[in-house]
Amino acid sequence: MVTPEQLKTWIETGFANADVSVEGDGHHFEAVIVADEFAGKTRIQRHQLVYAALGDKMKAEVHALSMKTLTPTEHAPE
């Protein structure tokens, strides 16, 4: 069974300096991902970047992933 820590590590490998937090029960996960790579991208494009980082793991090992994808500017407190 996949742990939130494993999923966090997998996502982080696809981004230069991402801030990633993941919660979940081994099948269903919620992630908040803050990365510079999301700048200028639509929500769908951002999710595609995360799926690309996960590769085949998304098909085989992760059943469901809900994610919030933000740039550092969007994540910064006002």
C-alpha atoms as a PDB file:
ATOM      1  CA  MET A   1       0.000   0.000   0.000  1.00  0.00           C
ATOM      2  CA  VAL A   2       1.265   3.463  -0.885  1.00  0.00           C
ATOM      3  CA  THR A   3       1.913   5.847   1.996  1.00  0.00           C
ATOM      4  CA  PRO A   4       1.425   9.616   1.870  1.00  0.00           C
ATOM      5  CA  GLU A   5       5.201   9.967   2.367  1.00  0.00           C
ATOM      6  CA  GLN A   6       5.926   7.826  -0.713  1.00  0.00           C
ATOM      7  CA  LEU A   7       3.510   9.812  -2.834  1.00  0.00           C
ATOM      8  CA  LYS A   8       5.061  13.064  -1.587  1.00  0.00           C
ATOM      9  CA  THR A   9       8.527  11.853  -2.606  1.00  0.00           C
ATOM     10  CA  TRP A  10       7.322  10.736  -6.040  1.00  0.00           C
ATOM     11  CA  ILE A  11       5.745  14.131  -6.714  1.00  0.00           C
ATOM     12  CA  GLU A  12       8.802  16.019  -5.472  1.00  0.00           C
ATOM     13  CA  THR A  13      11.066  14.175  -7.920  1.00  0.00           C
ATOM     14  CA  GLY A  14       9.200  15.788 -10.807  1.00  0.00           C
ATOM     15  CA  PHE A  15       9.711  19.367  -9.649  1.00  0.00           C
ATOM     16  CA  ALA A  16      12.808  21.435  -8.913  1.00  0.00           C
ATOM     17  CA  ASN A  17      11.810  23.027  -5.596  1.00  0.00           C
ATOM     18  CA  ALA A  18       8.238  22.026  -4.878  1.00  0.00           C
ATOM     19  CA  ASP A  19       6.636  22.290  -1.471  1.00  0.00           C
ATOM     20  CA  VAL A  20       4.426  19.202  -1.247  1.00  0.00           C
ATOM     21  CA  SER A  21       2.091  17.975   1.463  1.00  0.00           C
ATOM     22  CA  VAL A  22       0.069  14.775   1.122  1.00  0.00           C
ATOM     23  CA  GLU A  23      -2.595  13.143   3.270  1.00  0.00           C
ATOM     24  CA  GLY A  24      -4.366   9.899   2.568  1.00  0.00           C
ATOM     25  CA  ASP A  25      -5.337   6.375   3.521  1.00  0.00           C
ATOM     26  CA  GLY A  26      -3.273   4.379   1.036  1.00  0.00           C
ATOM     27  CA  HIS A  27      -5.868   4.502  -1.743  1.00  0.00           C
ATOM     28  CA  HIS A  28      -7.293   8.030  -1.717  1.00  0.00           C
ATOM     29  CA  PHE A  29      -4.980  11.026  -1.342  1.00  0.00           C
ATOM     30  CA  GLU A  30      -5.157  14.791  -1.091  1.00  0.00           C
ATOM     31  CA  ALA A  31      -2.084  16.810  -2.056  1.00  0.00           C
ATOM     32  CA  VAL A  32      -1.148  20.472  -1.963  1.00  0.00           C
ATOM     33  CA  ILE A  33       1.683  21.178  -4.372  1.00  0.00           C
ATOM     34  CA  VAL A  34       3.400  24.568  -4.589  1.00  0.00           C
ATOM     35  CA  ALA A  35       5.833  24.862  -7.504  1.00  0.00           C
ATOM     36  CA  ASP A  36       7.306  27.503  -9.793  1.00  0.00           C
ATOM     37  CA  GLU A  37       6.564  25.240 -12.766  1.00  0.00           C
ATOM     38  CA  PHE A  38       2.846  26.029 -12.415  1.00  0.00           C
ATOM     39  CA  ALA A  39       3.278  29.709 -13.348  1.00  0.00           C
ATOM     40  CA  GLY A  40       1.276  30.597 -16.452  1.00  0.00           C
ATOM     41  CA  LYS A  41      -0.395  27.166 -16.603  1.00  0.00           C
ATOM     42  CA  THR A  42      -4.092  26.317 -16.413  1.00  0.00           C
ATOM     43  CA  ARG A  43      -5.353  23.995 -13.690  1.00  0.00           C
ATOM     44  CA  ILE A  44      -5.497  21.126 -16.183  1.00  0.00           C
ATOM     45  CA  GLN A  45      -1.930  21.767 -17.349  1.00  0.00           C
ATOM     46  CA  ARG A  46      -0.767  21.844 -13.733  1.00  0.00           C
ATOM     47  CA  HIS A  47      -2.440  18.515 -13.012  1.00  0.00           C
ATOM     48  CA  GLN A  48      -0.876  17.058 -16.152  1.00  0.00           C
ATOM     49  CA  LEU A  49       2.560  18.042 -14.832  1.00  0.00           C
ATOM     50  CA  VAL A  50       1.845  16.178 -11.598  1.00  0.00           C
ATOM     51  CA  TYR A  51       0.565  13.126 -13.479  1.00  0.00           C
ATOM     52  CA  ALA A  52       3.726  13.190 -15.615  1.00  0.00           C
ATOM     53  CA  ALA A  53       5.853  13.237 -12.452  1.00  0.00           C
ATOM     54  CA  LEU A  54       3.979  10.201 -11.145  1.00  0.00           C
ATOM     55  CA  GLY A  55       4.103   8.326 -14.458  1.00  0.00           C
ATOM     56  CA  ASP A  56       2.795   4.760 -14.305  1.00  0.00           C
ATOM     57  CA  LYS A  57       2.414   4.953 -10.521  1.00  0.00           C
ATOM     58  CA  MET A  58      -0.778   6.932 -11.086  1.00  0.00           C
ATOM     59  CA  LYS A  59      -2.250   4.045 -13.069  1.00  0.00           C
ATOM     60  CA  ALA A  60      -1.122   1.191 -10.879  1.00  0.00           C
ATOM     61  CA  GLU A  61      -0.465   2.325  -7.318  1.00  0.00           C
ATOM     62  CA  VAL A  62      -2.570   5.426  -6.658  1.00  0.00           C
ATOM     63  CA  HIS A  63      -6.322   4.946  -6.868  1.00  0.00           C
ATOM     64  CA  ALA A  64      -7.438   8.542  -6.413  1.00  0.00           C
ATOM     65  CA  LEU A  65      -5.583  11.833  -6.048  1.00  0.00           C
ATOM     66  CA  SER A  66      -7.191  15.155  -5.304  1.00  0.00           C
ATOM     67  CA  MET A  67      -4.760  18.018  -5.663  1.00  0.00           C
ATOM     68  CA  LYS A  68      -4.431  21.721  -5.158  1.00  0.00           C
ATOM     69  CA  THR A  69      -1.693  23.137  -7.393  1.00  0.00           C
ATOM     70  CA  LEU A  70      -0.360  26.606  -6.651  1.00  0.00           C
ATOM     71  CA  THR A  71       2.541  28.857  -7.556  1.00  0.00           C
ATOM     72  CA  PRO A  72       4.541  30.284  -4.640  1.00  0.00           C
ATOM     73  CA  THR A  73       2.865  33.667  -5.235  1.00  0.00           C
ATOM     74  CA  GLU A  74      -0.611  32.126  -5.089  1.00  0.00           C
ATOM     75  CA  HIS A  75       0.313  30.270  -1.917  1.00  0.00           C
ATOM     76  CA  ALA A  76       1.827  33.275  -0.127  1.00  0.00           C
ATOM     77  CA  PRO A  77      -0.333  34.780   2.613  1.00  0.00           C
ATOM     78  CA  GLU A  78      -1.737  38.174   1.780  1.00  0.00           C
END
